[in-house]
């Protein structure tokens, strides 16, 4: 991953941003979306960037409360933060299209903080949102972030792309399964899970996975390097952090998720195994819709945001959030 990432023998980590960082924009720009940064957990250095579409900025002007999307960025668990231009622009587009308030949460990165640190941080972001929903239900608006006062906490979604998709899956899994349940999150209601090119993997790879298109955003050499940096020492890739299949398919472990939308690309080598995981989720009676884009690779929408496939993908996300979970 050089020159963007180096791990020295003494444990020192050097990172170089692969995308520029954009400042928040407290006033809506030409896109009609404002943004600001807030602290989630000062002790762990966790923060989030909130994206507010202009039609939702004033509750007395909004005819319908906007839904909430808790979003996790990608980067192999070793790169990225919500200020990176690619993640910022994606969240602006999602907020604008779906007229939802998007909360793009940071999480600690490996190898300084190996898994499950990122999952714990994502769960902390969800619990922070839950606290905001309680304040709203009790009319304690002075304790809330003012941008969330008008939010519809009955329509919350968890979303993420690439490594962030893996993170979103685990946050939803922890939220919906023992010791938690749907009732644990009242008055907040998590209506859906959106997984964009999630990084589900196993130890063995099929020939079709090895033969599939590879590029700078997804290749097996880079994936293997990230895995070594991310997993706890001595931990196999076949553990549930990257491989959800054993838990999902276990008859001795009741399993549930909110209604889910899984977005894939047929030139992404990860999509083959994700489809197997989707079938296991369906066998576990989870509701899962799949939208496949053709002729494009892993997180293609970063470099091709105006492509027909990116537009179709974003319309699918919009429909899932805004229109009774229907997809194209």
C-alpha atoms as a PDB file:
ATOM      1  CA  UNK A   1       0.000   0.000   0.000  1.00  0.00           C
ATOM      2  CA  UNK A   2       3.032   2.265  -0.232  1.00  0.00           C
ATOM      3  CA  UNK A   3       3.418   5.202  -0.548  1.00  0.00           C
ATOM      4  CA  UNK A   4       0.076   5.863   1.158  1.00  0.00           C
ATOM      5  CA  UNK A   5       0.677   3.535   4.096  1.00  0.00           C
ATOM      6  CA  UNK A   6       3.803   2.253   5.834  1.00  0.00           C
ATOM      7  CA  UNK A   7       4.165   0.184   8.997  1.00  0.00           C
ATOM      8  CA  UNK A   8       7.687   0.373  10.442  1.00  0.00           C
ATOM      9  CA  UNK A   9       9.396  -2.330  12.477  1.00  0.00           C
ATOM     10  CA  UNK A  10       9.128  -0.261  15.654  1.00  0.00           C
ATOM     11  CA  UNK A  11       5.349  -0.128  15.252  1.00  0.00           C
ATOM     12  CA  UNK A  12       5.207   3.421  13.906  1.00  0.00           C
ATOM     13  CA  UNK A  13       2.451   3.953  11.337  1.00  0.00           C
ATOM     14  CA  UNK A  14       2.670   6.448   8.488  1.00  0.00           C
ATOM     15  CA  UNK A  15      -0.511   7.352   6.598  1.00  0.00           C
ATOM     16  CA  UNK A  16      -0.976   9.646   3.653  1.00  0.00           C
ATOM     17  CA  UNK A  17      -4.489  10.727   2.698  1.00  0.00           C
ATOM     18  CA  UNK A  18      -5.520   9.274  -0.645  1.00  0.00           C
ATOM     19  CA  UNK A  19      -8.186  11.979  -0.987  1.00  0.00           C
ATOM     20  CA  UNK A  20      -8.260  15.620   0.017  1.00  0.00           C
ATOM     21  CA  UNK A  21     -10.090  16.613   3.181  1.00  0.00           C
ATOM     22  CA  UNK A  22     -13.059  18.936   2.879  1.00  0.00           C
ATOM     23  CA  UNK A  23     -14.143  21.271   5.673  1.00  0.00           C
ATOM     24  CA  UNK A  24     -17.754  21.177   6.845  1.00  0.00           C
ATOM     25  CA  UNK A  25     -20.144  23.730   5.374  1.00  0.00           C
ATOM     26  CA  UNK A  26     -22.523  25.009   8.097  1.00  0.00           C
ATOM     27  CA  UNK A  27     -24.553  26.874   5.479  1.00  0.00           C
ATOM     28  CA  UNK A  28     -26.135  24.982   2.559  1.00  0.00           C
ATOM     29  CA  UNK A  29     -24.099  25.208  -0.627  1.00  0.00           C
ATOM     30  CA  UNK A  30     -25.254  24.931  -4.211  1.00  0.00           C
ATOM     31  CA  UNK A  31     -26.146  21.306  -3.491  1.00  0.00           C
ATOM     32  CA  UNK A  32     -28.603  22.420  -0.810  1.00  0.00           C
ATOM     33  CA  UNK A  33     -26.875  20.441   1.972  1.00  0.00           C
ATOM     34  CA  UNK A  34     -25.199  21.867   5.080  1.00  0.00           C
ATOM     35  CA  UNK A  35     -22.644  19.970   7.154  1.00  0.00           C
ATOM     36  CA  UNK A  36     -20.940  20.254  10.515  1.00  0.00           C
ATOM     37  CA  UNK A  37     -18.692  18.173  12.772  1.00  0.00           C
ATOM     38  CA  UNK A  38     -19.709  17.013  16.239  1.00  0.00           C
ATOM     39  CA  UNK A  39     -18.001  15.037  19.016  1.00  0.00           C
ATOM     40  CA  UNK A  40     -19.336  11.555  19.761  1.00  0.00           C
ATOM     41  CA  UNK A  41     -16.767  10.337  22.314  1.00  0.00           C
ATOM     42  CA  UNK A  42     -13.941  12.700  23.245  1.00  0.00           C
ATOM     43  CA  UNK A  43     -12.026  10.047  25.213  1.00  0.00           C
ATOM     44  CA  UNK A  44     -11.662   7.846  22.122  1.00  0.00           C
ATOM     45  CA  UNK A  45     -11.406  10.721  19.654  1.00  0.00           C
ATOM     46  CA  UNK A  46     -14.645   9.755  17.936  1.00  0.00           C
ATOM     47  CA  UNK A  47     -16.549  12.331  15.922  1.00  0.00           C
ATOM     48  CA  UNK A  48     -19.100  12.520  13.161  1.00  0.00           C
ATOM     49  CA  UNK A  49     -20.038  14.811  10.297  1.00  0.00           C
ATOM     50  CA  UNK A  50     -23.756  15.586  10.040  1.00  0.00           C
ATOM     51  CA  UNK A  51     -25.242  16.343   6.625  1.00  0.00           C
ATOM     52  CA  UNK A  52     -28.504  18.293   6.691  1.00  0.00           C
ATOM     53  CA  UNK A  53     -30.550  18.882   3.515  1.00  0.00           C
ATOM     54  CA  UNK A  54     -31.868  22.426   3.369  1.00  0.00           C
ATOM     55  CA  UNK A  55     -35.540  21.413   3.360  1.00  0.00           C
ATOM     56  CA  UNK A  56     -34.957  19.809   6.772  1.00  0.00           C
ATOM     57  CA  UNK A  57     -32.975  22.636   8.354  1.00  0.00           C
ATOM     58  CA  UNK A  58     -36.036  24.233   9.871  1.00  0.00           C
ATOM     59  CA  UNK A  59     -38.630  21.933  11.432  1.00  0.00           C
ATOM     60  CA  UNK A  60     -41.499  24.365  10.967  1.00  0.00           C
ATOM     61  CA  UNK A  61     -40.810  24.463   7.228  1.00  0.00           C
ATOM     62  CA  UNK A  62     -40.557  20.715   6.789  1.00  0.00           C
ATOM     63  CA  UNK A  63     -43.829  18.995   5.938  1.00  0.00           C
ATOM     64  CA  UNK A  64     -42.325  15.613   6.740  1.00  0.00           C
ATOM     65  CA  UNK A  65     -39.640  14.757   9.263  1.00  0.00           C
ATOM     66  CA  UNK A  66     -36.461  13.543   7.551  1.00  0.00           C
ATOM     67  CA  UNK A  67     -35.193  10.012   8.185  1.00  0.00           C
ATOM     68  CA  UNK A  68     -31.743   9.397   9.683  1.00  0.00           C
ATOM     69  CA  UNK A  69     -28.859   7.473   8.113  1.00  0.00           C
ATOM     70  CA  UNK A  70     -25.882   6.408  10.237  1.00  0.00           C
ATOM     71  CA  UNK A  71     -23.091   5.978   7.688  1.00  0.00           C
ATOM     72  CA  UNK A  72     -19.641   4.346   7.932  1.00  0.00           C
ATOM     73  CA  UNK A  73     -16.903   5.088   5.392  1.00  0.00           C
ATOM     74  CA  UNK A  74     -14.621   2.559   3.733  1.00  0.00           C
ATOM     75  CA  UNK A  75     -10.840   2.311   3.628  1.00  0.00           C
ATOM     76  CA  UNK A  76      -9.992  -1.253   4.628  1.00  0.00           C
ATOM     77  CA  UNK A  77     -10.197  -0.310   8.336  1.00  0.00           C
ATOM     78  CA  UNK A  78      -6.775   1.336   7.960  1.00  0.00           C
ATOM     79  CA  UNK A  79      -7.608   4.517   5.987  1.00  0.00           C
ATOM     80  CA  UNK A  80     -10.157   7.279   5.868  1.00  0.00           C
ATOM     81  CA  UNK A  81     -12.355   9.602   7.858  1.00  0.00           C
ATOM     82  CA  UNK A  82     -15.644  11.428   7.216  1.00  0.00           C
ATOM     83  CA  UNK A  83     -13.832  14.538   5.952  1.00  0.00           C
ATOM     84  CA  UNK A  84     -12.276  12.779   2.952  1.00  0.00           C
ATOM     85  CA  UNK A  85     -13.696  14.348  -0.182  1.00  0.00           C
ATOM     86  CA  UNK A  86     -15.015  11.081  -1.658  1.00  0.00           C
ATOM     87  CA  UNK A  87     -16.963  10.191   1.492  1.00  0.00           C
ATOM     88  CA  UNK A  88     -18.129  13.787   2.029  1.00  0.00           C
ATOM     89  CA  UNK A  89     -19.450  14.085  -1.535  1.00  0.00           C
ATOM     90  CA  UNK A  90     -21.160  10.690  -1.333  1.00  0.00           C
ATOM     91  CA  UNK A  91     -22.966  11.665   1.892  1.00  0.00           C
ATOM     92  CA  UNK A  92     -24.003  15.017   0.417  1.00  0.00           C
ATOM     93  CA  UNK A  93     -25.529  13.188  -2.545  1.00  0.00           C
ATOM     94  CA  UNK A  94     -27.315  10.673  -0.327  1.00  0.00           C
ATOM     95  CA  UNK A  95     -28.707  13.405   1.939  1.00  0.00           C
ATOM     96  CA  UNK A  96     -29.889  15.453  -1.036  1.00  0.00           C
ATOM     97  CA  UNK A  97     -31.471  12.576  -2.969  1.00  0.00           C
ATOM     98  CA  UNK A  98     -33.269  10.930  -0.050  1.00  0.00           C
ATOM     99  CA  UNK A  99     -33.883  14.116   1.952  1.00  0.00           C
ATOM    100  CA  UNK A 100     -32.390  12.358   4.953  1.00  0.00           C
ATOM    101  CA  UNK A 101     -30.077  13.545   7.699  1.00  0.00           C
ATOM    102  CA  UNK A 102     -26.828  11.619   7.282  1.00  0.00           C
ATOM    103  CA  UNK A 103     -24.521  11.101  10.259  1.00  0.00           C
ATOM    104  CA  UNK A 104     -21.122   9.975   8.935  1.00  0.00           C
ATOM    105  CA  UNK A 105     -19.306   8.534  11.954  1.00  0.00           C
ATOM    106  CA  UNK A 106     -15.573   8.117  12.446  1.00  0.00           C
ATOM    107  CA  UNK A 107     -13.981   5.056  13.994  1.00  0.00           C
ATOM    108  CA  UNK A 108     -10.511   4.119  15.200  1.00  0.00           C
ATOM    109  CA  UNK A 109      -8.214   2.615  12.575  1.00  0.00           C
ATOM    110  CA  UNK A 110      -5.911  -0.407  12.510  1.00  0.00           C
ATOM    111  CA  UNK A 111      -3.232  -1.449  13.177  1.00  0.00           C
ATOM    112  CA  UNK A 112      -3.149   0.900  16.179  1.00  0.00           C
ATOM    113  CA  UNK A 113      -6.674  -0.253  17.012  1.00  0.00           C
ATOM    114  CA  UNK A 114      -7.353  -3.694  15.631  1.00  0.00           C
ATOM    115  CA  UNK A 115     -10.808  -5.231  15.340  1.00  0.00           C
ATOM    116  CA  UNK A 116     -13.185  -5.275  17.115  1.00  0.00           C
ATOM    117  CA  UNK A 117     -12.331  -1.624  17.986  1.00  0.00           C
ATOM    118  CA  UNK A 118     -14.073  -0.257  14.876  1.00  0.00           C
ATOM    119  CA  UNK A 119     -17.212  -2.299  15.617  1.00  0.00           C
ATOM    120  CA  UNK A 120     -17.277  -0.977  19.194  1.00  0.00           C
ATOM    121  CA  UNK A 121     -16.903   2.580  17.896  1.00  0.00           C
ATOM    122  CA  UNK A 122     -19.710   2.117  15.391  1.00  0.00           C
ATOM    123  CA  UNK A 123     -21.941   0.760  18.132  1.00  0.00           C
ATOM    124  CA  UNK A 124     -21.081   3.793  20.259  1.00  0.00           C
ATOM    125  CA  UNK A 125     -22.255   6.053  17.421  1.00  0.00           C
ATOM    126  CA  UNK A 126     -25.553   4.142  17.323  1.00  0.00           C
ATOM    127  CA  UNK A 127     -25.978   4.505  21.084  1.00  0.00           C
ATOM    128  CA  UNK A 128     -25.285   8.240  20.776  1.00  0.00           C
ATOM    129  CA  UNK A 129     -28.089   8.517  18.236  1.00  0.00           C
ATOM    130  CA  UNK A 130     -30.329   6.535  20.574  1.00  0.00           C
ATOM    131  CA  UNK A 131     -29.668   9.047  23.354  1.00  0.00           C
ATOM    132  CA  UNK A 132     -30.688  11.808  20.980  1.00  0.00           C
ATOM    133  CA  UNK A 133     -33.970  10.008  20.254  1.00  0.00           C
ATOM    134  CA  UNK A 134     -34.716   9.774  23.978  1.00  0.00           C
ATOM    135  CA  UNK A 135     -34.093  13.493  24.448  1.00  0.00           C
ATOM    136  CA  UNK A 136     -36.431  14.219  21.537  1.00  0.00           C
ATOM    137  CA  UNK A 137     -39.199  11.991  22.903  1.00  0.00           C
ATOM    138  CA  UNK A 138     -38.943  13.742  26.286  1.00  0.00           C
ATOM    139  CA  UNK A 139     -38.862  17.197  24.630  1.00  0.00           C
ATOM    140  CA  UNK A 140     -35.417  17.836  26.128  1.00  0.00           C
ATOM    141  CA  UNK A 141     -34.347  19.679  23.008  1.00  0.00           C
ATOM    142  CA  UNK A 142     -31.735  21.669  24.892  1.00  0.00           C
ATOM    143  CA  UNK A 143     -29.767  18.411  25.333  1.00  0.00           C
ATOM    144  CA  UNK A 144     -29.950  17.512  21.647  1.00  0.00           C
ATOM    145  CA  UNK A 145     -27.826  18.489  18.735  1.00  0.00           C
ATOM    146  CA  UNK A 146     -30.040  21.180  17.154  1.00  0.00           C
ATOM    147  CA  UNK A 147     -29.711  19.630  13.681  1.00  0.00           C
ATOM    148  CA  UNK A 148     -31.372  16.425  14.922  1.00  0.00           C
ATOM    149  CA  UNK A 149     -34.412  18.008  16.598  1.00  0.00           C
ATOM    150  CA  UNK A 150     -36.469  17.662  13.407  1.00  0.00           C
ATOM    151  CA  UNK A 151     -35.292  14.094  12.637  1.00  0.00           C
ATOM    152  CA  UNK A 152     -37.694  11.168  12.400  1.00  0.00           C
ATOM    153  CA  UNK A 153     -36.046   8.689  14.757  1.00  0.00           C
ATOM    154  CA  UNK A 154     -38.719   6.154  13.815  1.00  0.00           C
ATOM    155  CA  UNK A 155     -37.016   5.861  10.414  1.00  0.00           C
ATOM    156  CA  UNK A 156     -33.339   5.182  11.040  1.00  0.00           C
ATOM    157  CA  UNK A 157     -31.008   3.363   8.671  1.00  0.00           C
ATOM    158  CA  UNK A 158     -27.493   1.984   9.102  1.00  0.00           C
ATOM    159  CA  UNK A 159     -25.293   2.120   6.011  1.00  0.00           C
ATOM    160  CA  UNK A 160     -21.681   1.736   4.925  1.00  0.00           C
ATOM    161  CA  UNK A 161     -19.448   1.005   1.953  1.00  0.00           C
ATOM    162  CA  UNK A 162     -16.619  -1.514   1.619  1.00  0.00           C
ATOM    163  CA  UNK A 163     -15.050  -1.865   5.098  1.00  0.00           C
ATOM    164  CA  UNK A 164     -17.787   0.485   6.269  1.00  0.00           C
ATOM    165  CA  UNK A 165     -20.327  -2.005   4.916  1.00  0.00           C
ATOM    166  CA  UNK A 166     -18.747  -4.724   7.042  1.00  0.00           C
ATOM    167  CA  UNK A 167     -18.889  -2.332   9.997  1.00  0.00           C
ATOM    168  CA  UNK A 168     -22.550  -1.449   9.331  1.00  0.00           C
ATOM    169  CA  UNK A 169     -23.423  -5.158   9.232  1.00  0.00           C
ATOM    170  CA  UNK A 170     -21.777  -5.776  12.610  1.00  0.00           C
ATOM    171  CA  UNK A 171     -23.413  -2.748  14.225  1.00  0.00           C
ATOM    172  CA  UNK A 172     -26.827  -3.976  13.057  1.00  0.00           C
ATOM    173  CA  UNK A 173     -26.020  -7.521  14.153  1.00  0.00           C
ATOM    174  CA  UNK A 174     -25.099  -6.344  17.648  1.00  0.00           C
ATOM    175  CA  UNK A 175     -28.156  -4.080  17.840  1.00  0.00           C
ATOM    176  CA  UNK A 176     -30.696  -6.745  16.830  1.00  0.00           C
ATOM    177  CA  UNK A 177     -29.328  -9.834  18.581  1.00  0.00           C
ATOM    178  CA  UNK A 178     -28.697 -10.891  22.185  1.00  0.00           C
ATOM    179  CA  UNK A 179     -28.407  -9.214  24.582  1.00  0.00           C
ATOM    180  CA  UNK A 180     -30.125  -6.450  22.564  1.00  0.00           C
ATOM    181  CA  UNK A 181     -33.360  -6.528  20.594  1.00  0.00           C
ATOM    182  CA  UNK A 182     -35.562  -4.180  18.590  1.00  0.00           C
ATOM    183  CA  UNK A 183     -37.219  -3.061  21.831  1.00  0.00           C
ATOM    184  CA  UNK A 184     -33.842  -2.025  23.283  1.00  0.00           C
ATOM    185  CA  UNK A 185     -33.740   0.998  20.997  1.00  0.00           C
ATOM    186  CA  UNK A 186     -37.128   2.571  21.632  1.00  0.00           C
ATOM    187  CA  UNK A 187     -38.167   5.226  20.783  1.00  0.00           C
ATOM    188  CA  UNK A 188     -35.695   4.904  17.903  1.00  0.00           C
ATOM    189  CA  UNK A 189     -36.650   2.431  15.190  1.00  0.00           C
ATOM    190  CA  UNK A 190     -34.034   0.995  12.835  1.00  0.00           C
ATOM    191  CA  UNK A 191     -35.910   0.393   9.623  1.00  0.00           C
ATOM    192  CA  UNK A 192     -33.160  -0.752   7.310  1.00  0.00           C
ATOM    193  CA  UNK A 193     -29.557  -1.737   6.646  1.00  0.00           C
ATOM    194  CA  UNK A 194     -27.700  -0.646   3.487  1.00  0.00           C
ATOM    195  CA  UNK A 195     -24.532  -2.584   2.612  1.00  0.00           C
ATOM    196  CA  UNK A 196     -22.555  -1.142  -0.305  1.00  0.00           C
ATOM    197  CA  UNK A 197     -19.883  -3.562  -1.574  1.00  0.00           C
ATOM    198  CA  UNK A 198     -19.328  -5.030   1.930  1.00  0.00           C
ATOM    199  CA  UNK A 199     -15.967  -6.643   2.611  1.00  0.00           C
ATOM    200  CA  UNK A 200     -17.114 -10.167   3.466  1.00  0.00           C
ATOM    201  CA  UNK A 201     -14.307 -12.676   2.913  1.00  0.00           C
ATOM    202  CA  UNK A 202     -13.170 -16.169   3.799  1.00  0.00           C
ATOM    203  CA  UNK A 203      -9.808 -17.901   3.962  1.00  0.00           C
ATOM    204  CA  UNK A 204     -10.180 -19.885   0.717  1.00  0.00           C
ATOM    205  CA  UNK A 205     -10.874 -18.284  -2.664  1.00  0.00           C
ATOM    206  CA  UNK A 206     -12.514 -19.752  -5.710  1.00  0.00           C
ATOM    207  CA  UNK A 207     -11.035 -19.545  -9.186  1.00  0.00           C
ATOM    208  CA  UNK A 208     -13.745 -17.101 -10.267  1.00  0.00           C
ATOM    209  CA  UNK A 209     -12.780 -14.822  -7.372  1.00  0.00           C
ATOM    210  CA  UNK A 210      -9.112 -14.995  -8.361  1.00  0.00           C
ATOM    211  CA  UNK A 211      -9.897 -14.409 -12.037  1.00  0.00           C
ATOM    212  CA  UNK A 212     -12.235 -11.469 -11.428  1.00  0.00           C
ATOM    213  CA  UNK A 213     -11.228  -7.906 -12.268  1.00  0.00           C
ATOM    214  CA  UNK A 214      -8.790  -6.338  -9.806  1.00  0.00           C
ATOM    215  CA  UNK A 215      -7.660  -2.724  -9.560  1.00  0.00           C
ATOM    216  CA  UNK A 216      -6.251  -0.186  -7.134  1.00  0.00           C
ATOM    217  CA  UNK A 217      -9.469  -0.154  -5.109  1.00  0.00           C
ATOM    218  CA  UNK A 218      -9.750  -3.920  -4.748  1.00  0.00           C
ATOM    219  CA  UNK A 219      -7.067  -6.526  -5.325  1.00  0.00           C
ATOM    220  CA  UNK A 220      -6.229  -9.593  -3.309  1.00  0.00           C
ATOM    221  CA  UNK A 221      -2.684  -8.478  -2.440  1.00  0.00           C
ATOM    222  CA  UNK A 222      -4.035  -5.296  -0.852  1.00  0.00           C
ATOM    223  CA  UNK A 223      -6.877  -7.182   0.821  1.00  0.00           C
ATOM    224  CA  UNK A 224      -4.432  -9.646   2.374  1.00  0.00           C
ATOM    225  CA  UNK A 225      -2.223  -6.786   3.594  1.00  0.00           C
ATOM    226  CA  UNK A 226      -5.205  -5.063   5.227  1.00  0.00           C
ATOM    227  CA  UNK A 227      -6.358  -8.287   6.856  1.00  0.00           C
ATOM    228  CA  UNK A 228      -2.960  -8.778   8.523  1.00  0.00           C
ATOM    229  CA  UNK A 229      -3.100  -5.216   9.857  1.00  0.00           C
ATOM    230  CA  UNK A 230      -6.708  -5.364  11.008  1.00  0.00           C
ATOM    231  CA  UNK A 231      -7.226  -8.752  12.675  1.00  0.00           C
ATOM    232  CA  UNK A 232      -5.946  -9.477  16.185  1.00  0.00           C
ATOM    233  CA  UNK A 233      -2.653 -11.427  16.146  1.00  0.00           C
ATOM    234  CA  UNK A 234      -3.188 -15.116  15.487  1.00  0.00           C
ATOM    235  CA  UNK A 235      -6.759 -14.586  14.305  1.00  0.00           C
ATOM    236  CA  UNK A 236      -7.902 -16.317  11.098  1.00  0.00           C
ATOM    237  CA  UNK A 237      -9.842 -14.510   8.383  1.00  0.00           C
ATOM    238  CA  UNK A 238     -12.543 -17.161   8.821  1.00  0.00           C
ATOM    239  CA  UNK A 239     -13.601 -15.602  12.117  1.00  0.00           C
ATOM    240  CA  UNK A 240     -16.918 -13.679  12.179  1.00  0.00           C
ATOM    241  CA  UNK A 241     -15.227 -10.273  11.747  1.00  0.00           C
ATOM    242  CA  UNK A 242     -14.912 -10.827   7.991  1.00  0.00           C
ATOM    243  CA  UNK A 243     -16.828 -14.053   7.496  1.00  0.00           C
ATOM    244  CA  UNK A 244     -20.448 -13.840   8.712  1.00  0.00           C
ATOM    245  CA  UNK A 245     -21.525 -17.126   7.154  1.00  0.00           C
ATOM    246  CA  UNK A 246     -20.864 -19.527  10.087  1.00  0.00           C
ATOM    247  CA  UNK A 247     -22.958 -17.482  12.539  1.00  0.00           C
ATOM    248  CA  UNK A 248     -25.728 -16.671  10.068  1.00  0.00           C
ATOM    249  CA  UNK A 249     -26.106 -20.305   9.019  1.00  0.00           C
ATOM    250  CA  UNK A 250     -25.887 -21.815  12.512  1.00  0.00           C
ATOM    251  CA  UNK A 251     -29.195 -23.492  13.525  1.00  0.00           C
ATOM    252  CA  UNK A 252     -28.260 -23.063  17.203  1.00  0.00           C
ATOM    253  CA  UNK A 253     -27.951 -19.273  16.985  1.00  0.00           C
ATOM    254  CA  UNK A 254     -31.165 -17.324  16.271  1.00  0.00           C
ATOM    255  CA  UNK A 255     -30.254 -14.434  14.016  1.00  0.00           C
ATOM    256  CA  UNK A 256     -32.047 -11.374  12.734  1.00  0.00           C
ATOM    257  CA  UNK A 257     -31.351  -8.112  10.919  1.00  0.00           C
ATOM    258  CA  UNK A 258     -33.491  -5.183   9.802  1.00  0.00           C
ATOM    259  CA  UNK A 259     -34.687  -5.263   6.197  1.00  0.00           C
ATOM    260  CA  UNK A 260     -31.531  -4.968   4.130  1.00  0.00           C
ATOM    261  CA  UNK A 261     -30.388  -3.621   0.784  1.00  0.00           C
ATOM    262  CA  UNK A 262     -27.124  -5.067  -0.556  1.00  0.00           C
ATOM    263  CA  UNK A 263     -25.503  -3.218  -3.446  1.00  0.00           C
ATOM    264  CA  UNK A 264     -22.914  -5.083  -5.524  1.00  0.00           C
ATOM    265  CA  UNK A 265     -20.828  -4.799  -8.705  1.00  0.00           C
ATOM    266  CA  UNK A 266     -20.105  -7.748 -10.965  1.00  0.00           C
ATOM    267  CA  UNK A 267     -16.466  -6.714 -11.555  1.00  0.00           C
ATOM    268  CA  UNK A 268     -15.830  -6.687  -7.796  1.00  0.00           C
ATOM    269  CA  UNK A 269     -14.173  -9.940  -6.735  1.00  0.00           C
ATOM    270  CA  UNK A 270     -15.874  -9.669  -3.344  1.00  0.00           C
ATOM    271  CA  UNK A 271     -19.381 -10.003  -4.756  1.00  0.00           C
ATOM    272  CA  UNK A 272     -19.266 -13.787  -5.218  1.00  0.00           C
ATOM    273  CA  UNK A 273     -18.972 -14.539  -1.509  1.00  0.00           C
ATOM    274  CA  UNK A 274     -21.331 -11.721  -0.514  1.00  0.00           C
ATOM    275  CA  UNK A 275     -24.032 -13.421  -2.598  1.00  0.00           C
ATOM    276  CA  UNK A 276     -23.490 -16.634  -0.628  1.00  0.00           C
ATOM    277  CA  UNK A 277     -23.881 -14.671   2.602  1.00  0.00           C
ATOM    278  CA  UNK A 278     -27.070 -13.099   1.252  1.00  0.00           C
ATOM    279  CA  UNK A 279     -28.560 -16.539   0.573  1.00  0.00           C
ATOM    280  CA  UNK A 280     -27.693 -17.590   4.130  1.00  0.00           C
ATOM    281  CA  UNK A 281     -29.384 -14.461   5.489  1.00  0.00           C
ATOM    282  CA  UNK A 282     -32.498 -15.268   3.474  1.00  0.00           C
ATOM    283  CA  UNK A 283     -32.439 -18.833   4.837  1.00  0.00           C
ATOM    284  CA  UNK A 284     -32.335 -17.241   8.315  1.00  0.00           C
ATOM    285  CA  UNK A 285     -35.540 -15.393   7.340  1.00  0.00           C
ATOM    286  CA  UNK A 286     -33.896 -12.004   6.974  1.00  0.00           C
ATOM    287  CA  UNK A 287     -35.388  -9.771   4.272  1.00  0.00           C
ATOM    288  CA  UNK A 288     -32.649  -8.886   1.803  1.00  0.00           C
ATOM    289  CA  UNK A 289     -32.820  -7.150  -1.583  1.00  0.00           C
ATOM    290  CA  UNK A 290     -29.813  -7.210  -3.922  1.00  0.00           C
ATOM    291  CA  UNK A 291     -29.023  -4.693  -6.664  1.00  0.00           C
ATOM    292  CA  UNK A 292     -26.148  -5.632  -8.984  1.00  0.00           C
ATOM    293  CA  UNK A 293     -24.394  -3.082 -11.181  1.00  0.00           C
ATOM    294  CA  UNK A 294     -22.736  -4.451 -14.323  1.00  0.00           C
ATOM    295  CA  UNK A 295     -19.407  -3.643 -15.932  1.00  0.00           C
ATOM    296  CA  UNK A 296     -17.984  -1.861 -12.877  1.00  0.00           C
ATOM    297  CA  UNK A 297     -15.759  -2.803  -9.946  1.00  0.00           C
ATOM    298  CA  UNK A 298     -15.369  -2.258  -6.230  1.00  0.00           C
ATOM    299  CA  UNK A 299     -16.608   1.168  -5.032  1.00  0.00           C
ATOM    300  CA  UNK A 300     -16.608   2.308  -8.661  1.00  0.00           C
ATOM    301  CA  UNK A 301     -18.827   5.267  -7.776  1.00  0.00           C
ATOM    302  CA  UNK A 302     -15.850   7.040  -6.180  1.00  0.00           C
ATOM    303  CA  UNK A 303     -14.131   7.508  -9.542  1.00  0.00           C
ATOM    304  CA  UNK A 304     -17.314   7.378 -11.652  1.00  0.00           C
ATOM    305  CA  UNK A 305     -19.992   9.284  -9.697  1.00  0.00           C
ATOM    306  CA  UNK A 306     -21.767  10.399 -12.884  1.00  0.00           C
ATOM    307  CA  UNK A 307     -21.881   6.975 -14.534  1.00  0.00           C
ATOM    308  CA  UNK A 308     -25.200   5.327 -15.320  1.00  0.00           C
ATOM    309  CA  UNK A 309     -24.376   2.586 -12.839  1.00  0.00           C
ATOM    310  CA  UNK A 310     -23.653   5.082 -10.046  1.00  0.00           C
ATOM    311  CA  UNK A 311     -26.879   6.929 -10.754  1.00  0.00           C
ATOM    312  CA  UNK A 312     -28.836   3.664 -10.693  1.00  0.00           C
ATOM    313  CA  UNK A 313     -27.167   2.627  -7.440  1.00  0.00           C
ATOM    314  CA  UNK A 314     -27.935   5.945  -5.741  1.00  0.00           C
ATOM    315  CA  UNK A 315     -31.536   5.809  -6.970  1.00  0.00           C
ATOM    316  CA  UNK A 316     -31.821   2.368  -5.371  1.00  0.00           C
ATOM    317  CA  UNK A 317     -30.565   3.799  -2.069  1.00  0.00           C
ATOM    318  CA  UNK A 318     -33.007   6.709  -2.340  1.00  0.00           C
ATOM    319  CA  UNK A 319     -35.916   4.379  -3.053  1.00  0.00           C
ATOM    320  CA  UNK A 320     -35.017   2.111  -0.152  1.00  0.00           C
ATOM    321  CA  UNK A 321     -34.889   5.022   2.302  1.00  0.00           C
ATOM    322  CA  UNK A 322     -37.715   7.141   0.945  1.00  0.00           C
ATOM    323  CA  UNK A 323     -40.265   4.901  -0.722  1.00  0.00           C
ATOM    324  CA  UNK A 324     -41.254   2.008   1.510  1.00  0.00           C
ATOM    325  CA  UNK A 325     -38.019   0.114   0.903  1.00  0.00           C
ATOM    326  CA  UNK A 326     -38.663  -0.448  -2.788  1.00  0.00           C
ATOM    327  CA  UNK A 327     -35.634  -0.836  -5.026  1.00  0.00           C
ATOM    328  CA  UNK A 328     -35.124  -0.635  -8.779  1.00  0.00           C
END
